[in-house]
Amino acid sequence: MNTSETPAGAAYFDGSRTQEAFTLLKKYVGLFGMVSAIVLATVAVVALSGHSTTSFMWIRGAILLALAPVLYRSAVRASKGARRDYERLSTLSVILPIAVLGIDLIPGLCPTWYAAMQGVSALALIGAAVITRGSVLRAAFPKNS
């Protein structure tokens, strides 16, 4: 592992609090993935039942579902000391909920049920953002390294 992948606070990775934080982080990212899959499946059921759906609903649902494994992989790598993956996850877990909720607030863009389901997925990412920016993981990845 090169030095950019090993944090200066490597001793923190052996601590139970750090591993508990990473376990919870992975659960939140997994929840985001599950909700994203449910959203896309719901769009499919709605379409198959003869109700209208839009390209926006299909594309956005697919993109968010496709992001879930990427985020999960970053969480796994971060739990092993990969600073770049920690920073990526820390940034995306803040930006994605803002983008999801901001777009959902545009009147007439998507049905209320769709916006509500996407909001639930955003809540999971907000939980991930709280953990990545919490003191336990910040101590594992100090800025001065």
Protein backbone atom coordinates (compact mmCIF):
# COMPACT_ATOMS: atom_id res chain seq x y z
CA MET A 1 0.00 0.00 0.00
CA ASN A 2 1.48 3.36 -0.92
CA THR A 3 1.66 6.25 1.53
CA SER A 4 -1.32 8.05 0.01
CA GLU A 5 -3.45 5.04 0.98
CA THR A 6 -2.18 4.70 4.55
CA PRO A 7 -3.37 7.36 6.98
CA ALA A 8 -1.06 8.93 9.51
CA GLY A 9 -3.57 7.83 12.14
CA ALA A 10 -3.27 4.15 11.15
CA ALA A 11 -3.42 3.13 14.80
CA TYR A 12 -7.01 4.35 14.84
CA PHE A 13 -8.03 1.61 12.42
CA ASP A 14 -7.45 -1.03 15.08
CA GLY A 15 -9.84 0.67 17.50
CA SER A 16 -13.32 -0.71 17.99
CA ARG A 17 -14.92 2.76 17.77
CA THR A 18 -13.40 3.30 14.34
CA GLN A 19 -14.50 -0.08 13.04
CA GLU A 20 -17.98 0.44 14.51
CA ALA A 21 -18.18 3.78 12.67
CA PHE A 22 -17.16 2.11 9.40
CA THR A 23 -19.68 -0.70 9.97
CA LEU A 24 -22.45 1.83 10.48
CA LEU A 25 -21.25 3.83 7.48
CA LYS A 26 -21.46 0.73 5.29
CA LYS A 27 -24.97 0.04 6.59
CA TYR A 28 -26.10 3.55 5.64
CA VAL A 29 -24.60 3.21 2.17
CA GLY A 30 -26.24 -0.22 1.84
CA LEU A 31 -29.57 1.29 2.89
CA PHE A 32 -29.15 3.94 0.21
CA GLY A 33 -28.62 1.15 -2.33
CA MET A 34 -31.65 -0.82 -1.14
CA VAL A 35 -33.93 2.21 -1.26
CA SER A 36 -32.58 3.11 -4.71
CA ALA A 37 -33.41 -0.42 -5.91
CA ILE A 38 -36.91 -0.14 -4.43
CA VAL A 39 -37.41 3.21 -6.17
CA LEU A 40 -36.41 1.80 -9.55
CA ALA A 41 -38.54 -1.31 -9.02
CA THR A 42 -41.50 0.88 -8.09
CA VAL A 43 -41.07 2.90 -11.28
CA ALA A 44 -41.11 -0.38 -13.23
CA VAL A 45 -44.28 -1.57 -11.48
CA VAL A 46 -45.98 1.78 -12.08
CA ALA A 47 -45.04 1.64 -15.77
CA LEU A 48 -46.18 -1.97 -16.12
CA SER A 49 -49.50 -1.17 -14.49
CA GLY A 50 -50.24 1.36 -17.22
CA HIS A 51 -49.54 4.56 -15.29
CA SER A 52 -47.25 7.20 -16.70
CA THR A 53 -43.58 7.42 -15.89
CA THR A 54 -40.98 9.76 -17.31
CA SER A 55 -37.50 9.27 -18.70
CA PHE A 56 -36.28 11.40 -15.81
CA MET A 57 -37.62 8.89 -13.28
CA TRP A 58 -35.99 5.95 -15.06
CA ILE A 59 -32.63 7.60 -15.66
CA ARG A 60 -32.30 9.16 -12.23
CA GLY A 61 -33.37 5.93 -10.54
CA ALA A 62 -30.81 3.95 -12.55
CA ILE A 63 -28.00 6.43 -11.90
CA LEU A 64 -28.58 6.50 -8.14
CA LEU A 65 -28.77 2.70 -8.04
CA ALA A 66 -25.53 2.49 -10.04
CA LEU A 67 -23.82 4.84 -7.56
CA ALA A 68 -24.61 2.62 -4.58
CA PRO A 69 -21.95 -0.05 -5.26
CA VAL A 70 -19.39 2.65 -6.01
CA LEU A 71 -20.10 4.32 -2.67
CA TYR A 72 -20.05 0.98 -0.86
CA ARG A 73 -16.69 0.07 -2.42
CA SER A 74 -15.35 3.44 -1.26
CA ALA A 75 -16.59 2.73 2.26
CA VAL A 76 -14.88 -0.66 2.28
CA ARG A 77 -11.62 0.79 0.98
CA ALA A 78 -11.79 3.67 3.44
CA SER A 79 -12.24 1.19 6.28
CA LYS A 80 -8.89 -0.30 5.21
CA GLY A 81 -7.17 3.08 5.27
CA ALA A 82 -7.69 4.50 1.78
CA ARG A 83 -7.75 8.26 2.29
CA ARG A 84 -8.91 9.01 -1.28
CA ASP A 85 -11.97 6.79 -0.84
CA TYR A 86 -12.73 8.33 2.54
CA GLU A 87 -12.57 11.82 1.03
CA ARG A 88 -14.70 10.77 -1.96
CA LEU A 89 -17.34 9.27 0.29
CA SER A 90 -17.24 12.22 2.65
CA THR A 91 -17.83 14.63 -0.23
CA LEU A 92 -20.46 12.62 -2.11
CA SER A 93 -22.46 11.88 1.04
CA VAL A 94 -22.96 15.63 1.43
CA ILE A 95 -23.44 16.61 -2.22
CA LEU A 96 -25.81 13.83 -3.29
CA PRO A 97 -28.56 14.47 -0.70
CA ILE A 98 -28.51 18.18 -1.52
CA ALA A 99 -28.78 17.43 -5.23
CA VAL A 100 -31.52 14.82 -4.75
CA LEU A 101 -33.63 17.00 -2.48
CA GLY A 102 -32.98 20.14 -4.52
CA ILE A 103 -34.16 18.52 -7.73
CA ASP A 104 -37.17 17.01 -5.96
CA LEU A 105 -38.28 20.51 -5.01
CA ILE A 106 -38.63 21.60 -8.64
CA PRO A 107 -42.41 21.75 -9.14
CA GLY A 108 -43.87 19.28 -11.63
CA LEU A 109 -40.62 17.45 -12.33
CA CYS A 110 -41.62 14.22 -10.62
CA PRO A 111 -44.61 12.82 -8.72
CA THR A 112 -44.78 13.31 -4.97
CA TRP A 113 -44.43 9.59 -4.27
CA TYR A 114 -41.22 9.49 -6.29
CA ALA A 115 -39.79 12.55 -4.54
CA ALA A 116 -40.66 11.06 -1.15
CA MET A 117 -38.93 7.77 -1.95
CA GLN A 118 -35.85 9.60 -3.23
CA GLY A 119 -35.92 11.66 -0.03
CA VAL A 120 -35.68 8.48 2.02
CA SER A 121 -32.58 7.45 0.07
CA ALA A 122 -31.14 10.91 0.73
CA LEU A 123 -31.70 10.42 4.47
CA ALA A 124 -29.45 7.36 4.38
CA LEU A 125 -26.71 9.44 2.77
CA ILE A 126 -27.17 12.18 5.34
CA GLY A 127 -26.48 9.54 7.98
CA ALA A 128 -23.34 8.58 6.07
CA ALA A 129 -22.29 12.23 5.90
CA VAL A 130 -22.65 12.61 9.67
CA ILE A 131 -20.43 9.58 10.23
CA THR A 132 -17.75 10.55 7.72
CA ARG A 133 -17.52 14.00 9.23
CA GLY A 134 -17.67 12.76 12.83
CA SER A 135 -14.73 12.91 15.21
CA VAL A 136 -13.99 9.17 15.07
CA LEU A 137 -13.33 9.01 11.33
CA ARG A 138 -11.74 12.45 11.20
CA ALA A 139 -9.22 11.18 13.76
CA ALA A 140 -8.49 8.19 11.53
CA PHE A 141 -7.81 10.52 8.59
CA PRO A 142 -6.14 13.63 10.00
CA LYS A 143 -5.82 16.52 7.53
CA ASN A 144 -2.11 17.08 8.08
CA SER A 145 -1.09 13.69 6.68
